């Protein structure tokens, strides 16, 4: 999802909890990884591998000038011959310690093996953030949680991942505004997107 679509999504969702919740979660992510110089580990479940979140964070790291946002994707299954960035297995979590951030993306309940590894990483001093479907065990382990219950929210977890990754790369938070009608928000956004860029001279 590109920046224009994220902006449109935020305009449509203005007045709901999601833009603010995504920014708060993204702020926690930035505060954890930037002072530590990176060390961001991203892991999903056996059934769900967060490819898109990894790709979006890599993009945001490049666009924002914050290379610390680029994660190491930790995978449950690594096949022989895969490139280095796709060859990091679960054993990498055993090396997590203070100064590392572990971002868990879990639409469904994680297996006991992953929960144990997350618990061990937290005990070793790693910061744990969870973007999940509302699993209580994962929520207890995480320092910061953003839950998107399946079937009970306006959005799905994939869409919220777009909001979080985009917010992580932002340089500043937008000014707070009062309530505005949806039609007015869309009209203002269309004006912003179609106006010529400001002159540099």
Foldseek 3Di string as FASTA:
>chain_A
DDPLVLLLVCLLCPVPCQLVLLLVLLVVVLVQQQVLVAQEEEEEALVDFPPVLQVLQCVLCVVLVNVSSRYQGEYCDADPPDDPSRHHYPVVLLPAAASHEYEYEYADDHDPVVLVSLQNNVVRRYAYEYEYQDDVSSVVSHPYYDHDNPPPDPDGSVSSSNSNSVSNSDPDDDDDDDDDDSVVSVVVSVCVVPDDDDDPD
